[in-house]
Amino acid sequence: MRGVNHGHSWFKNDLNTAIPAIAKTGANTVRIVLSNGSLYTKDDLNAVKNIINVVNQNKMIAVLEVHDATGKDDYNSLDAAVNYWISIKEALIGKEDRVIVNIANEWYGTWNGSAWADGYKKAIPKLRNAGIKNTLIVDAAGWGQFPQSIVDYGQSVFAADSQKNTVFSIHMYEYAGKDAATVKANMENVLNKGLALIIGEFGDITQTVMWTSMPS
């Protein structure tokens, strides 16, 4: 997987320009910002179906994420993202080979792995019980920058997935990606736990956010 983030929820009119341009970079995946309506304008079922179609037409995999719970610690915010996925599951079911669900962008801002894990251990079974079988992505705690949360509790989160199809994501900025040694250690520590890992975002304060992944 290699790709780019596209902030669809903030640039809803740019989809048909942005997606083909991203495809031309050689990306095989595009991570799409969606909203459940809590903070931004909601992307409804028809909008999500259209996004998936445009991404597929450009021969890429769609990674869909809900952005409204970013940095929040309360379970209700995560649960609202889960309920959103369930409400639009018609767009997801049957497209398991081309749509990945990044449950909630950077949910759990505090560097507390135990509470982060407790939230996802409730969220993932709820999605599976609703019939959603797509690959799931779970961002690390600490705004995505606390990889130790995955190292300490990722296996228990993975065990909560009846499909055994959950991938973890680190967002590498000034903390998780501050230098080469930190990047290497953060990746290896997760992979050594037998977990699949992507780098969902990376950059520093001055750089444009891009997206890539690492093979497990």
N, C-alpha and C. Protein backbone atom coordinates (compact mmCIF):
# COMPACT_ATOMS: atom_id res chain seq x y z
N MET A 1 0.84 -1.20 0.00
CA MET A 1 0.00 0.00 0.00
C MET A 1 0.87 1.25 0.00
N ARG A 2 0.56 2.14 -0.91
CA ARG A 2 1.25 3.43 -0.95
C ARG A 2 0.24 4.46 -1.44
N GLY A 3 0.18 5.58 -0.79
CA GLY A 3 -0.87 6.52 -1.20
C GLY A 3 -0.78 7.88 -0.58
N VAL A 4 -1.90 8.60 -0.67
CA VAL A 4 -1.99 10.00 -0.28
C VAL A 4 -3.30 10.20 0.48
N ASN A 5 -3.30 11.13 1.43
CA ASN A 5 -4.53 11.54 2.10
C ASN A 5 -5.26 12.57 1.26
N HIS A 6 -6.58 12.50 1.23
CA HIS A 6 -7.39 13.54 0.57
C HIS A 6 -8.45 14.04 1.55
N GLY A 7 -8.42 15.33 1.87
CA GLY A 7 -9.34 15.91 2.84
C GLY A 7 -10.71 16.19 2.26
N HIS A 8 -11.41 15.14 1.87
CA HIS A 8 -12.68 15.30 1.15
C HIS A 8 -13.70 16.13 1.92
N SER A 9 -13.81 15.93 3.23
CA SER A 9 -14.85 16.62 3.99
C SER A 9 -14.71 18.14 3.95
N TRP A 10 -13.50 18.62 3.73
CA TRP A 10 -13.27 20.06 3.68
C TRP A 10 -13.22 20.58 2.24
N PHE A 11 -13.11 19.67 1.28
CA PHE A 11 -13.00 20.06 -0.12
C PHE A 11 -13.90 19.17 -0.96
N LYS A 12 -15.18 19.18 -0.64
CA LYS A 12 -16.11 18.23 -1.26
C LYS A 12 -16.25 18.40 -2.76
N ASN A 13 -15.96 19.57 -3.27
CA ASN A 13 -16.11 19.80 -4.71
C ASN A 13 -14.88 19.39 -5.52
N ASP A 14 -13.84 18.91 -4.83
CA ASP A 14 -12.57 18.61 -5.52
C ASP A 14 -12.38 17.14 -5.86
N LEU A 15 -13.36 16.30 -5.52
CA LEU A 15 -13.17 14.86 -5.65
C LEU A 15 -12.74 14.44 -7.04
N ASN A 16 -13.45 14.90 -8.05
CA ASN A 16 -13.20 14.43 -9.42
C ASN A 16 -11.93 15.01 -10.03
N THR A 17 -11.34 15.99 -9.36
CA THR A 17 -10.03 16.50 -9.76
C THR A 17 -8.92 15.82 -8.97
N ALA A 18 -9.15 15.69 -7.66
CA ALA A 18 -8.09 15.17 -6.78
C ALA A 18 -7.80 13.70 -7.00
N ILE A 19 -8.84 12.88 -7.14
CA ILE A 19 -8.60 11.44 -7.21
C ILE A 19 -7.80 11.04 -8.45
N PRO A 20 -8.16 11.52 -9.65
CA PRO A 20 -7.33 11.17 -10.81
C PRO A 20 -5.90 11.69 -10.67
N ALA A 21 -5.73 12.86 -10.06
CA ALA A 21 -4.39 13.41 -9.88
C ALA A 21 -3.57 12.55 -8.93
N ILE A 22 -4.22 12.07 -7.87
CA ILE A 22 -3.53 11.18 -6.93
C ILE A 22 -3.14 9.88 -7.63
N ALA A 23 -4.04 9.34 -8.45
CA ALA A 23 -3.75 8.10 -9.17
C ALA A 23 -2.52 8.26 -10.08
N LYS A 24 -2.37 9.44 -10.66
CA LYS A 24 -1.25 9.68 -11.57
C LYS A 24 0.09 9.68 -10.86
N THR A 25 0.09 9.83 -9.54
CA THR A 25 1.36 9.78 -8.80
C THR A 25 1.90 8.36 -8.69
N GLY A 26 1.08 7.36 -9.03
CA GLY A 26 1.45 5.96 -8.85
C GLY A 26 0.88 5.37 -7.58
N ALA A 27 0.07 6.15 -6.88
CA ALA A 27 -0.57 5.64 -5.65
C ALA A 27 -1.51 4.50 -6.00
N ASN A 28 -1.57 3.52 -5.11
CA ASN A 28 -2.56 2.45 -5.30
C ASN A 28 -3.65 2.53 -4.23
N THR A 29 -3.54 3.52 -3.35
CA THR A 29 -4.47 3.68 -2.25
C THR A 29 -4.67 5.16 -1.99
N VAL A 30 -5.88 5.55 -1.61
CA VAL A 30 -6.12 6.93 -1.20
C VAL A 30 -6.94 6.91 0.09
N ARG A 31 -6.49 7.66 1.08
CA ARG A 31 -7.17 7.74 2.38
C ARG A 31 -8.06 8.98 2.36
N ILE A 32 -9.35 8.76 2.55
CA ILE A 32 -10.36 9.80 2.36
C ILE A 32 -10.92 10.26 3.70
N VAL A 33 -10.88 11.56 3.95
CA VAL A 33 -11.49 12.14 5.15
C VAL A 33 -13.00 12.23 4.95
N LEU A 34 -13.74 11.59 5.86
CA LEU A 34 -15.20 11.68 5.87
C LEU A 34 -15.66 12.29 7.19
N SER A 35 -16.93 12.73 7.22
CA SER A 35 -17.52 13.26 8.44
C SER A 35 -18.84 12.57 8.73
N ASN A 36 -19.05 12.28 10.03
CA ASN A 36 -20.34 11.72 10.44
C ASN A 36 -21.34 12.81 10.82
N GLY A 37 -20.93 14.08 10.65
CA GLY A 37 -21.81 15.20 10.92
C GLY A 37 -21.64 15.81 12.29
N SER A 38 -20.78 15.23 13.13
CA SER A 38 -20.59 15.76 14.48
C SER A 38 -19.87 17.11 14.47
N LEU A 39 -18.84 17.23 13.63
CA LEU A 39 -18.08 18.47 13.53
C LEU A 39 -18.17 19.12 12.16
N TYR A 40 -18.22 18.30 11.13
CA TYR A 40 -18.20 18.80 9.76
C TYR A 40 -19.48 18.37 9.05
N THR A 41 -19.64 18.77 7.81
CA THR A 41 -20.82 18.41 7.05
C THR A 41 -20.80 16.93 6.73
N LYS A 42 -21.86 16.25 7.08
CA LYS A 42 -21.92 14.79 6.97
C LYS A 42 -21.81 14.32 5.52
N ASP A 43 -21.07 13.25 5.33
CA ASP A 43 -20.99 12.56 4.04
C ASP A 43 -21.96 11.39 4.10
N ASP A 44 -23.06 11.50 3.36
CA ASP A 44 -24.12 10.49 3.46
C ASP A 44 -23.83 9.26 2.61
N LEU A 45 -24.74 8.31 2.64
CA LEU A 45 -24.55 7.04 1.95
C LEU A 45 -24.26 7.24 0.47
N ASN A 46 -25.04 8.06 -0.19
CA ASN A 46 -24.84 8.27 -1.63
C ASN A 46 -23.50 8.92 -1.92
N ALA A 47 -23.08 9.84 -1.05
CA ALA A 47 -21.78 10.48 -1.25
C ALA A 47 -20.66 9.47 -1.13
N VAL A 48 -20.76 8.59 -0.14
CA VAL A 48 -19.72 7.58 0.07
C VAL A 48 -19.69 6.58 -1.09
N LYS A 49 -20.86 6.18 -1.57
CA LYS A 49 -20.90 5.30 -2.73
C LYS A 49 -20.20 5.94 -3.92
N ASN A 50 -20.44 7.23 -4.13
CA ASN A 50 -19.81 7.94 -5.25
C ASN A 50 -18.31 8.02 -5.08
N ILE A 51 -17.86 8.30 -3.85
CA ILE A 51 -16.42 8.36 -3.59
C ILE A 51 -15.76 7.03 -3.92
N ILE A 52 -16.36 5.96 -3.45
CA ILE A 52 -15.80 4.62 -3.71
C ILE A 52 -15.76 4.34 -5.20
N ASN A 53 -16.78 4.70 -5.91
CA ASN A 53 -16.81 4.48 -7.36
C ASN A 53 -15.71 5.25 -8.07
N VAL A 54 -15.51 6.52 -7.69
CA VAL A 54 -14.48 7.34 -8.32
C VAL A 54 -13.10 6.76 -8.03
N VAL A 55 -12.87 6.35 -6.80
CA VAL A 55 -11.58 5.75 -6.44
C VAL A 55 -11.36 4.46 -7.21
N ASN A 56 -12.38 3.62 -7.30
CA ASN A 56 -12.27 2.36 -8.04
C ASN A 56 -12.01 2.59 -9.52
N GLN A 57 -12.69 3.58 -10.09
CA GLN A 57 -12.49 3.90 -11.50
C GLN A 57 -11.05 4.29 -11.78
N ASN A 58 -10.40 4.82 -10.78
CA ASN A 58 -8.99 5.21 -10.92
C ASN A 58 -8.04 4.15 -10.40
N LYS A 59 -8.59 2.92 -10.22
CA LYS A 59 -7.80 1.73 -9.91
C LYS A 59 -6.99 1.87 -8.62
N MET A 60 -7.67 2.42 -7.61
CA MET A 60 -7.05 2.51 -6.29
C MET A 60 -7.99 1.92 -5.24
N ILE A 61 -7.42 1.59 -4.09
CA ILE A 61 -8.19 1.14 -2.94
C ILE A 61 -8.58 2.36 -2.11
N ALA A 62 -9.82 2.39 -1.63
CA ALA A 62 -10.29 3.49 -0.79
C ALA A 62 -10.12 3.13 0.68
N VAL A 63 -9.38 3.96 1.40
CA VAL A 63 -9.31 3.88 2.86
C VAL A 63 -10.16 5.03 3.38
N LEU A 64 -11.27 4.70 4.03
CA LEU A 64 -12.21 5.71 4.50
C LEU A 64 -12.04 5.92 5.99
N GLU A 65 -11.99 7.17 6.42
CA GLU A 65 -11.85 7.47 7.85
C GLU A 65 -12.84 8.54 8.28
N VAL A 66 -13.33 8.43 9.53
CA VAL A 66 -14.18 9.45 10.13
C VAL A 66 -13.30 10.39 10.94
N HIS A 67 -13.41 11.70 10.68
CA HIS A 67 -12.48 12.67 11.27
C HIS A 67 -13.03 13.37 12.51
N ASP A 68 -14.31 13.21 12.78
CA ASP A 68 -14.95 14.01 13.83
C ASP A 68 -14.49 13.66 15.24
N ALA A 69 -13.95 12.48 15.43
CA ALA A 69 -13.51 12.06 16.78
C ALA A 69 -12.05 12.37 17.04
N THR A 70 -11.39 13.09 16.16
CA THR A 70 -9.96 13.34 16.26
C THR A 70 -9.59 13.97 17.60
N GLY A 71 -8.67 13.31 18.30
CA GLY A 71 -8.14 13.84 19.55
C GLY A 71 -9.05 13.72 20.75
N LYS A 72 -10.23 13.17 20.56
CA LYS A 72 -11.17 13.06 21.68
C LYS A 72 -10.92 11.78 22.46
N ASP A 73 -11.25 11.83 23.76
CA ASP A 73 -11.03 10.69 24.63
C ASP A 73 -12.31 9.96 25.01
N ASP A 74 -13.46 10.58 24.79
CA ASP A 74 -14.70 9.96 25.25
C ASP A 74 -15.15 8.86 24.30
N TYR A 75 -15.67 7.77 24.88
CA TYR A 75 -16.10 6.65 24.05
C TYR A 75 -17.25 7.04 23.14
N ASN A 76 -18.08 7.98 23.56
CA ASN A 76 -19.23 8.38 22.73
C ASN A 76 -18.79 8.87 21.37
N SER A 77 -17.64 9.54 21.31
CA SER A 77 -17.13 10.03 20.02
C SER A 77 -16.75 8.87 19.10
N LEU A 78 -16.09 7.87 19.69
CA LEU A 78 -15.74 6.68 18.92
C LEU A 78 -17.00 5.92 18.51
N ASP A 79 -17.94 5.81 19.42
CA ASP A 79 -19.18 5.10 19.14
C ASP A 79 -19.98 5.79 18.04
N ALA A 80 -19.91 7.12 17.99
CA ALA A 80 -20.60 7.86 16.93
C ALA A 80 -19.99 7.52 15.57
N ALA A 81 -18.67 7.32 15.54
CA ALA A 81 -18.02 6.91 14.29
C ALA A 81 -18.47 5.50 13.90
N VAL A 82 -18.54 4.61 14.89
CA VAL A 82 -19.00 3.25 14.63
C VAL A 82 -20.44 3.26 14.09
N ASN A 83 -21.29 4.05 14.72
CA ASN A 83 -22.69 4.13 14.27
C ASN A 83 -22.79 4.70 12.86
N TYR A 84 -21.89 5.60 12.53
CA TYR A 84 -21.86 6.14 11.16
C TYR A 84 -21.55 5.03 10.17
N TRP A 85 -20.52 4.25 10.45
CA TRP A 85 -20.17 3.14 9.54
C TRP A 85 -21.34 2.18 9.38
N ILE A 86 -22.01 1.90 10.47
CA ILE A 86 -23.15 0.98 10.40
C ILE A 86 -24.27 1.58 9.56
N SER A 87 -24.45 2.90 9.67
CA SER A 87 -25.53 3.56 8.91
C SER A 87 -25.27 3.56 7.41
N ILE A 88 -23.98 3.47 7.02
CA ILE A 88 -23.66 3.47 5.58
C ILE A 88 -23.08 2.13 5.15
N LYS A 89 -23.36 1.07 5.91
CA LYS A 89 -22.73 -0.22 5.63
C LYS A 89 -23.09 -0.76 4.25
N GLU A 90 -24.20 -0.30 3.69
CA GLU A 90 -24.57 -0.72 2.34
C GLU A 90 -23.47 -0.38 1.33
N ALA A 91 -22.73 0.69 1.60
CA ALA A 91 -21.64 1.09 0.71
C ALA A 91 -20.39 0.25 0.92
N LEU A 92 -20.31 -0.44 2.05
CA LEU A 92 -19.10 -1.17 2.43
C LEU A 92 -19.20 -2.67 2.18
N ILE A 93 -20.35 -3.25 2.50
CA ILE A 93 -20.52 -4.70 2.38
C ILE A 93 -20.51 -5.12 0.92
N GLY A 94 -19.71 -6.12 0.63
CA GLY A 94 -19.54 -6.57 -0.75
C GLY A 94 -18.37 -5.91 -1.45
N LYS A 95 -17.76 -4.94 -0.78
CA LYS A 95 -16.60 -4.25 -1.36
C LYS A 95 -15.37 -4.43 -0.47
N GLU A 96 -15.31 -5.58 0.17
CA GLU A 96 -14.21 -5.84 1.09
C GLU A 96 -12.85 -5.87 0.39
N ASP A 97 -12.85 -6.11 -0.92
CA ASP A 97 -11.60 -6.18 -1.67
C ASP A 97 -11.12 -4.82 -2.14
N ARG A 98 -11.92 -3.75 -1.88
CA ARG A 98 -11.54 -2.44 -2.41
C ARG A 98 -11.79 -1.29 -1.45
N VAL A 99 -12.34 -1.58 -0.27
CA VAL A 99 -12.63 -0.54 0.71
C VAL A 99 -12.13 -0.97 2.08
N ILE A 100 -11.32 -0.13 2.71
CA ILE A 100 -10.80 -0.34 4.05
C ILE A 100 -11.39 0.73 4.96
N VAL A 101 -11.75 0.34 6.18
CA VAL A 101 -12.39 1.26 7.13
C VAL A 101 -11.39 1.64 8.23
N ASN A 102 -10.94 2.88 8.21
CA ASN A 102 -10.12 3.45 9.28
C ASN A 102 -11.11 4.04 10.29
N ILE A 103 -11.39 3.29 11.36
CA ILE A 103 -12.57 3.52 12.19
C ILE A 103 -12.73 4.98 12.62
N ALA A 104 -11.69 5.59 13.15
CA ALA A 104 -11.78 6.98 13.60
C ALA A 104 -10.39 7.59 13.60
N ASN A 105 -10.21 8.66 12.86
CA ASN A 105 -8.91 9.31 12.81
C ASN A 105 -8.48 9.79 14.20
N GLU A 106 -7.35 9.27 14.67
CA GLU A 106 -6.69 9.75 15.87
C GLU A 106 -7.61 9.85 17.09
N TRP A 107 -8.56 8.89 17.20
CA TRP A 107 -9.36 8.88 18.43
C TRP A 107 -8.45 8.55 19.60
N TYR A 108 -8.67 9.18 20.68
CA TYR A 108 -7.94 9.11 21.94
C TYR A 108 -6.65 9.92 21.87
N GLY A 109 -6.78 11.20 22.28
CA GLY A 109 -5.65 12.11 22.27
C GLY A 109 -4.67 11.89 23.41
N THR A 110 -5.17 11.40 24.53
CA THR A 110 -4.31 11.17 25.69
C THR A 110 -3.40 9.96 25.46
N TRP A 111 -2.21 10.02 26.05
CA TRP A 111 -1.27 8.91 25.93
C TRP A 111 -1.61 7.86 26.99
N ASN A 112 -2.70 7.16 26.76
CA ASN A 112 -3.21 6.16 27.70
C ASN A 112 -3.63 4.93 26.91
N GLY A 113 -2.73 3.97 26.82
CA GLY A 113 -2.99 2.81 25.98
C GLY A 113 -4.13 1.94 26.48
N SER A 114 -4.28 1.80 27.76
CA SER A 114 -5.30 0.93 28.32
C SER A 114 -6.71 1.42 27.98
N ALA A 115 -6.97 2.71 28.18
CA ALA A 115 -8.29 3.26 27.88
C ALA A 115 -8.56 3.27 26.38
N TRP A 116 -7.53 3.53 25.60
CA TRP A 116 -7.64 3.47 24.13
C TRP A 116 -8.06 2.07 23.71
N ALA A 117 -7.41 1.07 24.26
CA ALA A 117 -7.73 -0.31 23.92
C ALA A 117 -9.14 -0.68 24.34
N ASP A 118 -9.54 -0.24 25.52
CA ASP A 118 -10.89 -0.56 26.00
C ASP A 118 -11.95 -0.05 25.03
N GLY A 119 -11.72 1.14 24.47
CA GLY A 119 -12.66 1.70 23.51
C GLY A 119 -12.77 0.86 22.25
N TYR A 120 -11.63 0.49 21.71
CA TYR A 120 -11.65 -0.28 20.46
C TYR A 120 -12.12 -1.72 20.67
N LYS A 121 -11.94 -2.24 21.87
CA LYS A 121 -12.42 -3.59 22.14
C LYS A 121 -13.94 -3.65 22.21
N LYS A 122 -14.58 -2.50 22.32
CA LYS A 122 -16.04 -2.41 22.21
C LYS A 122 -16.45 -2.05 20.78
N ALA A 123 -15.69 -1.17 20.16
CA ALA A 123 -16.05 -0.67 18.83
C ALA A 123 -15.95 -1.75 17.75
N ILE A 124 -14.89 -2.53 17.78
CA ILE A 124 -14.66 -3.51 16.71
C ILE A 124 -15.73 -4.60 16.69
N PRO A 125 -16.09 -5.21 17.84
CA PRO A 125 -17.16 -6.20 17.80
C PRO A 125 -18.50 -5.62 17.33
N LYS A 126 -18.75 -4.37 17.65
CA LYS A 126 -20.00 -3.75 17.22
C LYS A 126 -20.06 -3.65 15.70
N LEU A 127 -18.94 -3.29 15.09
CA LEU A 127 -18.87 -3.24 13.62
C LEU A 127 -19.05 -4.63 13.02
N ARG A 128 -18.37 -5.60 13.58
CA ARG A 128 -18.47 -6.97 13.05
C ARG A 128 -19.87 -7.54 13.23
N ASN A 129 -20.50 -7.27 14.36
CA ASN A 129 -21.85 -7.77 14.59
C ASN A 129 -22.87 -7.14 13.65
N ALA A 130 -22.51 -5.98 13.09
CA ALA A 130 -23.39 -5.33 12.12
C ALA A 130 -23.19 -5.87 10.71
N GLY A 131 -22.25 -6.80 10.55
CA GLY A 131 -22.03 -7.41 9.24
C GLY A 131 -20.92 -6.78 8.42
N ILE A 132 -20.19 -5.84 9.01
CA ILE A 132 -19.08 -5.18 8.29
C ILE A 132 -17.83 -6.04 8.42
N LYS A 133 -17.35 -6.54 7.29
CA LYS A 133 -16.21 -7.46 7.29
C LYS A 133 -14.95 -6.86 6.66
N ASN A 134 -15.03 -5.60 6.28
CA ASN A 134 -13.88 -4.94 5.66
C ASN A 134 -12.68 -4.91 6.61
N THR A 135 -11.49 -4.85 6.03
CA THR A 135 -10.30 -4.62 6.84
C THR A 135 -10.49 -3.34 7.65
N LEU A 136 -10.12 -3.39 8.92
CA LEU A 136 -10.23 -2.23 9.80
C LEU A 136 -8.85 -1.68 10.11
N ILE A 137 -8.75 -0.37 10.21
CA ILE A 137 -7.52 0.28 10.65
C ILE A 137 -7.81 1.00 11.96
N VAL A 138 -6.91 0.83 12.93
CA VAL A 138 -7.00 1.49 14.23
C VAL A 138 -5.77 2.37 14.42
N ASP A 139 -5.99 3.67 14.59
CA ASP A 139 -4.89 4.60 14.85
C ASP A 139 -4.41 4.48 16.29
N ALA A 140 -3.13 4.68 16.50
CA ALA A 140 -2.55 4.67 17.84
C ALA A 140 -3.18 5.76 18.71
N ALA A 141 -3.06 5.59 20.02
CA ALA A 141 -3.48 6.64 20.95
C ALA A 141 -2.55 7.84 20.82
N GLY A 142 -2.83 8.91 21.58
CA GLY A 142 -1.97 10.09 21.56
C GLY A 142 -1.98 10.80 20.23
N TRP A 143 -3.19 11.01 19.68
CA TRP A 143 -3.32 11.62 18.35
C TRP A 143 -2.56 10.82 17.30
N GLY A 144 -2.52 9.52 17.46
CA GLY A 144 -1.84 8.66 16.50
C GLY A 144 -0.35 8.55 16.72
N GLN A 145 0.18 9.26 17.74
CA GLN A 145 1.63 9.36 17.91
C GLN A 145 2.15 8.64 19.15
N PHE A 146 1.36 7.73 19.69
CA PHE A 146 1.80 6.96 20.87
C PHE A 146 1.85 5.48 20.52
N PRO A 147 2.88 5.07 19.77
CA PRO A 147 2.95 3.67 19.32
C PRO A 147 2.99 2.66 20.45
N GLN A 148 3.43 3.08 21.64
CA GLN A 148 3.48 2.13 22.75
C GLN A 148 2.11 1.59 23.09
N SER A 149 1.06 2.36 22.76
CA SER A 149 -0.30 1.86 22.98
C SER A 149 -0.55 0.60 22.17
N ILE A 150 -0.02 0.56 20.97
CA ILE A 150 -0.17 -0.63 20.12
C ILE A 150 0.70 -1.76 20.64
N VAL A 151 1.93 -1.41 21.01
CA VAL A 151 2.85 -2.42 21.51
C VAL A 151 2.28 -3.11 22.75
N ASP A 152 1.72 -2.31 23.66
CA ASP A 152 1.23 -2.86 24.93
C ASP A 152 -0.13 -3.54 24.82
N TYR A 153 -0.99 -3.01 23.97
CA TYR A 153 -2.39 -3.45 23.99
C TYR A 153 -2.93 -3.87 22.62
N GLY A 154 -2.11 -3.77 21.57
CA GLY A 154 -2.58 -4.08 20.23
C GLY A 154 -3.05 -5.51 20.07
N GLN A 155 -2.37 -6.44 20.70
CA GLN A 155 -2.78 -7.84 20.57
C GLN A 155 -4.16 -8.09 21.16
N SER A 156 -4.49 -7.40 22.25
CA SER A 156 -5.82 -7.57 22.84
C SER A 156 -6.89 -6.91 21.97
N VAL A 157 -6.55 -5.79 21.33
CA VAL A 157 -7.48 -5.16 20.40
C VAL A 157 -7.71 -6.07 19.20
N PHE A 158 -6.62 -6.62 18.67
CA PHE A 158 -6.73 -7.53 17.53
C PHE A 158 -7.59 -8.74 17.88
N ALA A 159 -7.44 -9.23 19.10
CA ALA A 159 -8.20 -10.42 19.53
C ALA A 159 -9.70 -10.15 19.60
N ALA A 160 -10.08 -8.86 19.69
CA ALA A 160 -11.50 -8.51 19.75
C ALA A 160 -12.16 -8.56 18.38
N ASP A 161 -11.36 -8.73 17.33
CA ASP A 161 -11.87 -8.77 15.96
C ASP A 161 -12.16 -10.22 15.55
N SER A 162 -13.42 -10.55 15.40
CA SER A 162 -13.79 -11.92 15.02
C SER A 162 -13.28 -12.28 13.63
N GLN A 163 -13.03 -11.28 12.79
CA GLN A 163 -12.51 -11.52 11.44
C GLN A 163 -10.98 -11.62 11.43
N LYS A 164 -10.35 -11.22 12.53
CA LYS A 164 -8.88 -11.19 12.60
C LYS A 164 -8.31 -10.42 11.41
N ASN A 165 -8.87 -9.23 11.20
CA ASN A 165 -8.55 -8.44 10.01
C ASN A 165 -8.44 -6.96 10.40
N THR A 166 -7.65 -6.71 11.45
CA THR A 166 -7.41 -5.34 11.91
C THR A 166 -5.94 -5.00 11.75
N VAL A 167 -5.69 -3.81 11.22
CA VAL A 167 -4.35 -3.28 10.99
C VAL A 167 -4.19 -2.04 11.88
N PHE A 168 -2.99 -1.80 12.35
CA PHE A 168 -2.74 -0.64 13.21
C PHE A 168 -1.98 0.44 12.45
N SER A 169 -2.16 1.68 12.90
CA SER A 169 -1.57 2.82 12.19
C SER A 169 -0.90 3.77 13.16
N ILE A 170 0.30 4.19 12.80
CA ILE A 170 1.02 5.24 13.52
C ILE A 170 1.05 6.48 12.64
N HIS A 171 0.82 7.65 13.24
CA HIS A 171 0.96 8.92 12.54
C HIS A 171 2.27 9.55 13.01
N MET A 172 3.22 9.64 12.10
CA MET A 172 4.59 10.02 12.47
C MET A 172 4.86 11.49 12.20
N TYR A 173 4.81 12.27 13.28
CA TYR A 173 5.18 13.68 13.23
C TYR A 173 6.32 13.91 14.22
N GLU A 174 6.26 15.00 14.99
CA GLU A 174 7.42 15.37 15.81
C GLU A 174 7.73 14.39 16.93
N TYR A 175 6.75 13.56 17.34
CA TYR A 175 6.99 12.59 18.41
C TYR A 175 7.32 11.21 17.85
N ALA A 176 6.38 10.62 17.16
CA ALA A 176 6.56 9.25 16.68
C ALA A 176 7.56 9.16 15.53
N GLY A 177 7.81 10.28 14.85
CA GLY A 177 8.72 10.25 13.71
C GLY A 177 9.84 11.25 13.79
N LYS A 178 10.30 11.53 15.01
CA LYS A 178 11.23 12.65 15.19
C LYS A 178 12.60 12.43 14.56
N ASP A 179 13.04 11.16 14.42
CA ASP A 179 14.31 10.88 13.76
C ASP A 179 14.29 9.43 13.27
N ALA A 180 15.31 9.07 12.51
CA ALA A 180 15.34 7.74 11.88
C ALA A 180 15.29 6.62 12.90
N ALA A 181 15.99 6.79 14.00
CA ALA A 181 16.02 5.74 15.02
C ALA A 181 14.65 5.55 15.65
N THR A 182 13.94 6.66 15.87
CA THR A 182 12.60 6.57 16.45
C THR A 182 11.64 5.89 15.49
N VAL A 183 11.71 6.28 14.22
CA VAL A 183 10.85 5.67 13.20
C VAL A 183 11.08 4.16 13.14
N LYS A 184 12.34 3.77 13.09
CA LYS A 184 12.69 2.35 12.99
C LYS A 184 12.19 1.58 14.21
N ALA A 185 12.44 2.12 15.39
CA ALA A 185 12.04 1.44 16.62
C ALA A 185 10.53 1.33 16.72
N ASN A 186 9.81 2.40 16.36
CA ASN A 186 8.35 2.38 16.45
C ASN A 186 7.74 1.34 15.52
N MET A 187 8.29 1.20 14.34
CA MET A 187 7.78 0.19 13.41
C MET A 187 8.13 -1.21 13.89
N GLU A 188 9.37 -1.43 14.25
CA GLU A 188 9.80 -2.77 14.63
C GLU A 188 9.12 -3.25 15.90
N ASN A 189 8.89 -2.35 16.84
CA ASN A 189 8.25 -2.75 18.09
C ASN A 189 6.84 -3.28 17.87
N VAL A 190 6.12 -2.68 16.93
CA VAL A 190 4.78 -3.16 16.61
C VAL A 190 4.84 -4.46 15.82
N LEU A 191 5.69 -4.50 14.80
CA LEU A 191 5.79 -5.70 13.97
C LEU A 191 6.26 -6.90 14.77
N ASN A 192 7.09 -6.67 15.76
CA ASN A 192 7.57 -7.77 16.60
C ASN A 192 6.48 -8.37 17.47
N LYS A 193 5.36 -7.69 17.57
CA LYS A 193 4.20 -8.22 18.28
C LYS A 193 3.30 -9.06 17.35
N GLY A 194 3.73 -9.21 16.11
CA GLY A 194 2.95 -9.99 15.15
C GLY A 194 1.75 -9.26 14.61
N LEU A 195 1.79 -7.93 14.65
CA LEU A 195 0.67 -7.11 14.20
C LEU A 195 1.02 -6.43 12.87
N ALA A 196 -0.01 -6.21 12.06
CA ALA A 196 0.18 -5.50 10.79
C ALA A 196 0.16 -4.00 11.05
N LEU A 197 1.02 -3.27 10.35
CA LEU A 197 1.22 -1.84 10.61
C LEU A 197 1.26 -1.04 9.33
N ILE A 198 0.62 0.12 9.35
CA ILE A 198 0.82 1.12 8.31
C ILE A 198 1.25 2.43 8.96
N ILE A 199 1.85 3.29 8.17
CA ILE A 199 2.12 4.66 8.60
C ILE A 199 1.05 5.51 7.93
N GLY A 200 0.01 5.84 8.70
CA GLY A 200 -1.17 6.49 8.12
C GLY A 200 -0.95 7.92 7.72
N GLU A 201 -0.06 8.61 8.43
CA GLU A 201 0.31 9.99 8.09
C GLU A 201 1.76 10.18 8.52
N PHE A 202 2.45 11.08 7.83
CA PHE A 202 3.79 11.44 8.29
C PHE A 202 4.14 12.83 7.80
N GLY A 203 5.08 13.45 8.50
CA GLY A 203 5.51 14.79 8.14
C GLY A 203 5.96 15.51 9.39
N ASP A 204 6.37 16.78 9.23
CA ASP A 204 6.64 17.59 10.42
C ASP A 204 5.73 18.81 10.37
N ILE A 205 5.98 19.77 11.21
CA ILE A 205 5.08 20.91 11.34
C ILE A 205 4.94 21.67 10.03
N THR A 206 5.97 21.69 9.22
CA THR A 206 5.96 22.52 8.02
C THR A 206 5.61 21.77 6.75
N GLN A 207 5.49 20.44 6.82
CA GLN A 207 5.32 19.64 5.62
C GLN A 207 3.86 19.31 5.33
N THR A 208 3.54 19.18 4.07
CA THR A 208 2.23 18.69 3.67
C THR A 208 2.09 17.23 4.09
N VAL A 209 0.93 16.89 4.60
CA VAL A 209 0.69 15.53 5.08
C VAL A 209 0.51 14.59 3.89
N MET A 210 1.35 13.58 3.83
CA MET A 210 1.23 12.53 2.82
C MET A 210 0.94 11.23 3.55
N TRP A 211 0.78 10.16 2.80
CA TRP A 211 0.41 8.88 3.41
C TRP A 211 1.12 7.74 2.73
N THR A 212 1.59 6.82 3.53
CA THR A 212 2.25 5.64 2.99
C THR A 212 2.02 4.47 3.94
N SER A 213 2.57 3.36 3.64
CA SER A 213 2.43 2.22 4.54
C SER A 213 3.65 1.34 4.45
N MET A 214 3.77 0.46 5.43
CA MET A 214 4.87 -0.48 5.41
C MET A 214 4.36 -1.90 5.41
N PRO A 215 4.97 -2.77 4.63
CA PRO A 215 4.51 -4.15 4.59
C PRO A 215 4.75 -4.84 5.91
N SER A 216 3.83 -5.75 6.24
CA SER A 216 4.00 -6.50 7.50
C SER A 216 4.76 -7.79 7.21
